[in-house]
Amino acid sequence: MSTFTETTASITVTVEPSPIHEESRPQDGVFTFAYTVNIENHSGDTVQLLERHWIIESAGEQTGEVTGPGVIGQQPVLQPGQSFQYTSSTVIRDPIGSMRGSYIFRRKEGGFFTVQIPRFNLLYPTLLN
């Protein structure tokens, strides 16, 4: 699978998706993917990730939308030069899909800003053989 990267306001988000074969059931339209996200603070400010917003697409249609506080139960604080990495997963109903989204951050000195999460492809590999 590929790596997808986008930088907004000196915060770089890199996503690497991968299929989870043991949790997928292609015959039943269940395609499970893990995605590892790395968030790097290249700004001069201390920032905190407060919220996430994901849009999940399968077979060219929006099939899900997820919003909520933080990521994997955390609202990490990143000093300048620090990074935070986590892995999560999603299930789609077609072997081809994608995800995209955004995070809302707060600067330690005040002020909120939005960071884009790059659109990344979810491609189940048996389709490509």
N, C-alpha and C. Protein backbone atom coordinates (compact mmCIF):
# COMPACT_ATOMS: atom_id res chain seq x y z
N MET A 1 0.85 -1.18 0.00
CA MET A 1 0.00 0.00 0.00
C MET A 1 0.89 1.24 0.00
N SER A 2 0.29 2.35 -0.26
CA SER A 2 1.01 3.61 -0.38
C SER A 2 0.92 4.41 0.92
N THR A 3 1.73 5.46 0.97
CA THR A 3 1.71 6.41 2.07
C THR A 3 1.16 7.73 1.52
N PHE A 4 0.32 8.39 2.32
CA PHE A 4 -0.34 9.62 1.90
C PHE A 4 0.00 10.71 2.93
N THR A 5 0.41 11.89 2.44
CA THR A 5 0.88 12.95 3.33
C THR A 5 0.27 14.29 2.95
N GLU A 6 -0.06 15.08 3.97
CA GLU A 6 -0.52 16.46 3.74
C GLU A 6 -0.07 17.31 4.92
N THR A 7 0.33 18.56 4.63
CA THR A 7 0.74 19.49 5.67
C THR A 7 -0.18 20.69 5.66
N THR A 8 -0.67 21.04 6.85
CA THR A 8 -1.52 22.22 7.05
C THR A 8 -1.00 22.94 8.29
N ALA A 9 -0.75 24.23 8.17
CA ALA A 9 -0.33 25.05 9.32
C ALA A 9 0.87 24.44 10.05
N SER A 10 1.82 23.91 9.30
CA SER A 10 3.06 23.30 9.82
C SER A 10 2.83 22.02 10.62
N ILE A 11 1.66 21.40 10.44
CA ILE A 11 1.37 20.09 11.03
C ILE A 11 1.28 19.11 9.85
N THR A 12 2.14 18.10 9.86
CA THR A 12 2.16 17.11 8.78
C THR A 12 1.46 15.84 9.25
N VAL A 13 0.50 15.39 8.44
CA VAL A 13 -0.24 14.16 8.72
C VAL A 13 0.11 13.16 7.62
N THR A 14 0.63 12.01 8.03
CA THR A 14 0.97 10.94 7.09
C THR A 14 0.15 9.71 7.46
N VAL A 15 -0.47 9.10 6.46
CA VAL A 15 -1.32 7.93 6.69
C VAL A 15 -0.83 6.77 5.82
N GLU A 16 -0.74 5.60 6.43
CA GLU A 16 -0.38 4.39 5.71
C GLU A 16 -1.45 3.33 5.97
N PRO A 17 -2.32 3.07 4.98
CA PRO A 17 -3.35 2.05 5.16
C PRO A 17 -2.85 0.67 4.77
N SER A 18 -3.47 -0.36 5.34
CA SER A 18 -3.15 -1.73 4.96
C SER A 18 -4.35 -2.63 5.25
N PRO A 19 -4.60 -3.62 4.39
CA PRO A 19 -5.73 -4.52 4.60
C PRO A 19 -5.48 -5.44 5.79
N ILE A 20 -6.55 -5.81 6.47
CA ILE A 20 -6.47 -6.80 7.55
C ILE A 20 -7.19 -8.05 7.01
N HIS A 21 -6.42 -8.95 6.45
CA HIS A 21 -6.99 -10.13 5.79
C HIS A 21 -7.78 -11.01 6.75
N GLU A 22 -7.26 -11.20 7.97
CA GLU A 22 -7.91 -12.12 8.89
C GLU A 22 -9.26 -11.61 9.42
N GLU A 23 -9.54 -10.32 9.25
CA GLU A 23 -10.83 -9.76 9.68
C GLU A 23 -11.75 -9.45 8.49
N SER A 24 -11.28 -9.70 7.28
CA SER A 24 -12.07 -9.42 6.08
C SER A 24 -12.78 -10.70 5.63
N ARG A 25 -13.96 -10.51 5.04
CA ARG A 25 -14.72 -11.61 4.45
C ARG A 25 -15.25 -11.13 3.09
N PRO A 26 -14.40 -11.17 2.06
CA PRO A 26 -14.80 -10.65 0.76
C PRO A 26 -16.11 -11.25 0.24
N GLN A 27 -16.34 -12.54 0.50
CA GLN A 27 -17.57 -13.18 0.04
C GLN A 27 -18.82 -12.57 0.67
N ASP A 28 -18.65 -11.90 1.83
CA ASP A 28 -19.78 -11.26 2.53
C ASP A 28 -19.75 -9.74 2.38
N GLY A 29 -18.84 -9.21 1.57
CA GLY A 29 -18.75 -7.76 1.40
C GLY A 29 -18.18 -7.07 2.62
N VAL A 30 -17.25 -7.71 3.31
CA VAL A 30 -16.60 -7.12 4.48
C VAL A 30 -15.10 -7.00 4.18
N PHE A 31 -14.64 -5.76 4.07
CA PHE A 31 -13.24 -5.48 3.77
C PHE A 31 -12.70 -4.58 4.90
N THR A 32 -11.80 -5.13 5.70
CA THR A 32 -11.29 -4.44 6.88
C THR A 32 -9.88 -3.92 6.61
N PHE A 33 -9.67 -2.68 7.03
CA PHE A 33 -8.37 -2.03 6.83
C PHE A 33 -7.90 -1.39 8.12
N ALA A 34 -6.59 -1.47 8.34
CA ALA A 34 -5.93 -0.69 9.39
C ALA A 34 -5.33 0.53 8.71
N TYR A 35 -5.19 1.59 9.48
CA TYR A 35 -4.47 2.75 8.97
C TYR A 35 -3.65 3.34 10.12
N THR A 36 -2.38 3.56 9.83
CA THR A 36 -1.48 4.15 10.81
C THR A 36 -1.29 5.61 10.46
N VAL A 37 -1.52 6.46 11.44
CA VAL A 37 -1.43 7.91 11.24
C VAL A 37 -0.26 8.44 12.06
N ASN A 38 0.58 9.24 11.42
CA ASN A 38 1.67 9.92 12.11
C ASN A 38 1.43 11.42 11.97
N ILE A 39 1.40 12.12 13.10
CA ILE A 39 1.16 13.56 13.14
C ILE A 39 2.42 14.23 13.65
N GLU A 40 3.00 15.13 12.87
CA GLU A 40 4.25 15.79 13.22
C GLU A 40 4.03 17.30 13.36
N ASN A 41 4.51 17.86 14.45
CA ASN A 41 4.40 19.29 14.69
C ASN A 41 5.68 19.99 14.25
N HIS A 42 5.62 20.64 13.09
CA HIS A 42 6.76 21.40 12.56
C HIS A 42 6.63 22.89 12.86
N SER A 43 5.63 23.24 13.65
CA SER A 43 5.43 24.66 13.98
C SER A 43 6.28 25.02 15.19
N GLY A 44 6.28 26.28 15.55
CA GLY A 44 6.99 26.74 16.75
C GLY A 44 6.09 26.77 17.96
N ASP A 45 4.86 26.27 17.83
CA ASP A 45 3.88 26.32 18.91
C ASP A 45 3.63 24.93 19.49
N THR A 46 3.29 24.88 20.77
CA THR A 46 2.77 23.66 21.37
C THR A 46 1.29 23.58 21.01
N VAL A 47 0.86 22.41 20.51
CA VAL A 47 -0.51 22.26 20.04
C VAL A 47 -1.13 21.00 20.64
N GLN A 48 -2.45 21.00 20.72
CA GLN A 48 -3.18 19.83 21.21
C GLN A 48 -4.26 19.45 20.21
N LEU A 49 -4.30 18.15 19.87
CA LEU A 49 -5.34 17.63 19.00
C LEU A 49 -6.60 17.45 19.85
N LEU A 50 -7.68 18.14 19.47
CA LEU A 50 -8.90 18.10 20.26
C LEU A 50 -9.98 17.21 19.66
N GLU A 51 -10.17 17.28 18.33
CA GLU A 51 -11.28 16.57 17.69
C GLU A 51 -10.84 15.98 16.36
N ARG A 52 -11.62 14.98 15.93
CA ARG A 52 -11.39 14.36 14.63
C ARG A 52 -12.70 14.36 13.85
N HIS A 53 -12.57 14.33 12.54
CA HIS A 53 -13.71 14.22 11.63
C HIS A 53 -13.26 13.39 10.44
N TRP A 54 -13.89 12.25 10.26
CA TRP A 54 -13.56 11.34 9.16
C TRP A 54 -14.75 11.18 8.24
N ILE A 55 -14.48 11.07 6.95
CA ILE A 55 -15.49 10.69 5.96
C ILE A 55 -14.98 9.42 5.29
N ILE A 56 -15.81 8.38 5.30
CA ILE A 56 -15.44 7.07 4.77
C ILE A 56 -16.28 6.82 3.51
N GLU A 57 -15.61 6.41 2.43
CA GLU A 57 -16.30 6.12 1.18
C GLU A 57 -16.02 4.69 0.75
N SER A 58 -17.03 4.08 0.17
CA SER A 58 -16.91 2.72 -0.36
C SER A 58 -17.70 2.67 -1.66
N ALA A 59 -17.10 2.10 -2.69
CA ALA A 59 -17.74 2.01 -4.00
C ALA A 59 -18.18 3.38 -4.51
N GLY A 60 -17.41 4.42 -4.21
CA GLY A 60 -17.70 5.75 -4.71
C GLY A 60 -18.80 6.49 -3.97
N GLU A 61 -19.30 5.93 -2.87
CA GLU A 61 -20.36 6.59 -2.10
C GLU A 61 -19.90 6.79 -0.66
N GLN A 62 -20.36 7.89 -0.06
CA GLN A 62 -20.07 8.09 1.35
C GLN A 62 -20.86 7.07 2.17
N THR A 63 -20.16 6.28 2.97
CA THR A 63 -20.81 5.24 3.76
C THR A 63 -20.71 5.49 5.25
N GLY A 64 -19.89 6.45 5.65
CA GLY A 64 -19.76 6.72 7.06
C GLY A 64 -19.14 8.06 7.33
N GLU A 65 -19.44 8.58 8.51
CA GLU A 65 -18.86 9.83 8.97
C GLU A 65 -18.65 9.67 10.47
N VAL A 66 -17.44 9.99 10.92
CA VAL A 66 -17.09 9.81 12.32
C VAL A 66 -16.57 11.14 12.85
N THR A 67 -17.15 11.61 13.95
CA THR A 67 -16.66 12.80 14.63
C THR A 67 -16.55 12.50 16.11
N GLY A 68 -15.67 13.19 16.77
CA GLY A 68 -15.55 12.98 18.20
C GLY A 68 -14.28 13.57 18.75
N PRO A 69 -14.14 13.49 20.07
CA PRO A 69 -12.95 14.03 20.72
C PRO A 69 -11.73 13.16 20.47
N GLY A 70 -10.61 13.82 20.19
CA GLY A 70 -9.32 13.15 20.08
C GLY A 70 -9.25 11.98 19.12
N VAL A 71 -8.25 11.14 19.36
CA VAL A 71 -8.02 9.93 18.56
C VAL A 71 -7.67 8.81 19.52
N ILE A 72 -8.19 7.65 19.29
CA ILE A 72 -7.99 6.45 20.12
C ILE A 72 -8.05 6.77 21.62
N GLY A 73 -9.01 7.60 21.99
CA GLY A 73 -9.20 7.93 23.40
C GLY A 73 -8.20 8.93 23.97
N GLN A 74 -7.43 9.58 23.12
CA GLN A 74 -6.42 10.53 23.58
C GLN A 74 -6.58 11.87 22.88
N GLN A 75 -6.12 12.92 23.54
CA GLN A 75 -6.03 14.25 22.95
C GLN A 75 -4.57 14.70 23.13
N PRO A 76 -3.69 14.17 22.26
CA PRO A 76 -2.26 14.39 22.48
C PRO A 76 -1.83 15.84 22.36
N VAL A 77 -0.86 16.20 23.20
CA VAL A 77 -0.21 17.51 23.15
C VAL A 77 1.14 17.30 22.47
N LEU A 78 1.42 18.12 21.47
CA LEU A 78 2.68 18.02 20.72
C LEU A 78 3.48 19.30 20.88
N GLN A 79 4.66 19.15 21.46
CA GLN A 79 5.61 20.26 21.53
C GLN A 79 6.19 20.46 20.13
N PRO A 80 6.80 21.62 19.85
CA PRO A 80 7.47 21.80 18.56
C PRO A 80 8.46 20.66 18.32
N GLY A 81 8.41 20.07 17.13
CA GLY A 81 9.30 18.99 16.76
C GLY A 81 8.84 17.60 17.18
N GLN A 82 7.78 17.50 17.97
CA GLN A 82 7.29 16.19 18.42
C GLN A 82 6.30 15.60 17.42
N SER A 83 6.14 14.27 17.53
CA SER A 83 5.15 13.59 16.69
C SER A 83 4.34 12.63 17.55
N PHE A 84 3.21 12.21 17.02
CA PHE A 84 2.32 11.26 17.69
C PHE A 84 1.85 10.29 16.62
N GLN A 85 1.89 9.00 16.95
CA GLN A 85 1.46 7.99 15.98
C GLN A 85 0.42 7.07 16.62
N TYR A 86 -0.57 6.69 15.83
CA TYR A 86 -1.57 5.74 16.30
C TYR A 86 -2.07 4.91 15.13
N THR A 87 -2.68 3.78 15.45
CA THR A 87 -3.28 2.91 14.44
C THR A 87 -4.73 2.67 14.79
N SER A 88 -5.58 2.74 13.79
CA SER A 88 -6.99 2.46 13.96
C SER A 88 -7.44 1.60 12.78
N SER A 89 -8.74 1.36 12.68
CA SER A 89 -9.23 0.52 11.57
C SER A 89 -10.61 0.95 11.14
N THR A 90 -11.01 0.45 9.97
CA THR A 90 -12.33 0.71 9.43
C THR A 90 -12.76 -0.49 8.60
N VAL A 91 -14.05 -0.60 8.40
CA VAL A 91 -14.61 -1.66 7.56
C VAL A 91 -15.43 -1.00 6.47
N ILE A 92 -15.22 -1.45 5.22
CA ILE A 92 -16.04 -0.98 4.11
C ILE A 92 -16.68 -2.18 3.43
N ARG A 93 -17.64 -1.93 2.56
CA ARG A 93 -18.40 -3.04 1.96
C ARG A 93 -17.98 -3.39 0.54
N ASP A 94 -16.95 -2.72 0.06
CA ASP A 94 -16.50 -2.90 -1.32
C ASP A 94 -14.98 -2.98 -1.29
N PRO A 95 -14.33 -3.65 -2.23
CA PRO A 95 -12.87 -3.73 -2.19
C PRO A 95 -12.15 -2.42 -2.53
N ILE A 96 -12.91 -1.40 -2.94
CA ILE A 96 -12.32 -0.10 -3.25
C ILE A 96 -13.02 0.96 -2.44
N GLY A 97 -12.24 1.74 -1.70
CA GLY A 97 -12.80 2.83 -0.91
C GLY A 97 -11.74 3.87 -0.62
N SER A 98 -12.11 4.81 0.23
CA SER A 98 -11.16 5.84 0.63
C SER A 98 -11.63 6.48 1.93
N MET A 99 -10.72 7.20 2.55
CA MET A 99 -11.03 7.98 3.74
C MET A 99 -10.34 9.33 3.61
N ARG A 100 -10.93 10.31 4.26
CA ARG A 100 -10.34 11.65 4.34
C ARG A 100 -10.92 12.32 5.57
N GLY A 101 -10.35 13.43 5.97
CA GLY A 101 -10.90 14.07 7.14
C GLY A 101 -10.09 15.26 7.60
N SER A 102 -10.29 15.60 8.88
CA SER A 102 -9.59 16.74 9.46
C SER A 102 -9.52 16.58 10.98
N TYR A 103 -8.57 17.29 11.55
CA TYR A 103 -8.42 17.38 13.00
C TYR A 103 -8.57 18.84 13.40
N ILE A 104 -9.11 19.07 14.58
CA ILE A 104 -9.12 20.42 15.14
C ILE A 104 -8.08 20.45 16.25
N PHE A 105 -7.18 21.41 16.14
CA PHE A 105 -6.12 21.61 17.12
C PHE A 105 -6.32 22.93 17.85
N ARG A 106 -5.73 23.01 19.04
CA ARG A 106 -5.68 24.27 19.80
C ARG A 106 -4.22 24.58 20.09
N ARG A 107 -3.84 25.83 19.87
CA ARG A 107 -2.50 26.28 20.24
C ARG A 107 -2.47 26.54 21.75
N LYS A 108 -1.34 26.26 22.38
CA LYS A 108 -1.19 26.48 23.82
C LYS A 108 -1.47 27.94 24.18
N GLU A 109 -1.04 28.85 23.31
CA GLU A 109 -1.23 30.28 23.57
C GLU A 109 -2.64 30.75 23.21
N GLY A 110 -3.47 29.85 22.69
CA GLY A 110 -4.84 30.19 22.34
C GLY A 110 -5.07 30.13 20.84
N GLY A 111 -6.29 29.88 20.47
CA GLY A 111 -6.67 29.82 19.07
C GLY A 111 -6.77 28.39 18.57
N PHE A 112 -7.80 28.16 17.77
CA PHE A 112 -8.06 26.86 17.19
C PHE A 112 -7.74 26.89 15.70
N PHE A 113 -7.36 25.73 15.15
CA PHE A 113 -7.13 25.64 13.72
C PHE A 113 -7.40 24.22 13.25
N THR A 114 -7.71 24.11 11.96
CA THR A 114 -8.05 22.82 11.36
C THR A 114 -6.89 22.31 10.53
N VAL A 115 -6.60 21.02 10.67
CA VAL A 115 -5.54 20.35 9.91
C VAL A 115 -6.18 19.28 9.05
N GLN A 116 -5.87 19.29 7.76
CA GLN A 116 -6.44 18.32 6.84
C GLN A 116 -5.74 16.97 6.96
N ILE A 117 -6.53 15.91 6.91
CA ILE A 117 -6.01 14.55 6.82
C ILE A 117 -6.08 14.19 5.33
N PRO A 118 -4.98 13.74 4.73
CA PRO A 118 -5.03 13.48 3.29
C PRO A 118 -6.01 12.36 2.95
N ARG A 119 -6.64 12.49 1.80
CA ARG A 119 -7.47 11.39 1.29
C ARG A 119 -6.53 10.22 1.01
N PHE A 120 -6.92 9.04 1.48
CA PHE A 120 -6.11 7.86 1.19
C PHE A 120 -7.00 6.73 0.71
N ASN A 121 -6.42 5.91 -0.15
CA ASN A 121 -7.16 4.83 -0.78
C ASN A 121 -7.17 3.58 0.09
N LEU A 122 -8.29 2.88 0.05
CA LEU A 122 -8.43 1.58 0.67
C LEU A 122 -8.67 0.59 -0.46
N LEU A 123 -7.65 -0.18 -0.80
CA LEU A 123 -7.72 -1.10 -1.94
C LEU A 123 -7.43 -2.51 -1.46
N TYR A 124 -8.42 -3.38 -1.55
CA TYR A 124 -8.21 -4.75 -1.13
C TYR A 124 -7.40 -5.47 -2.22
N PRO A 125 -6.24 -6.06 -1.88
CA PRO A 125 -5.29 -6.51 -2.89
C PRO A 125 -5.75 -7.65 -3.81
N THR A 126 -6.66 -8.49 -3.41
CA THR A 126 -7.06 -9.59 -4.30
C THR A 126 -7.72 -9.04 -5.56
N LEU A 127 -8.29 -7.86 -5.46
CA LEU A 127 -8.91 -7.23 -6.62
C LEU A 127 -7.86 -6.91 -7.68
N LEU A 128 -6.64 -6.65 -7.23
CA LEU A 128 -5.60 -6.21 -8.15
C LEU A 128 -4.87 -7.36 -8.84
N ASN A 129 -5.11 -8.59 -8.42
CA ASN A 129 -4.41 -9.75 -9.00
C ASN A 129 -5.09 -10.24 -10.26
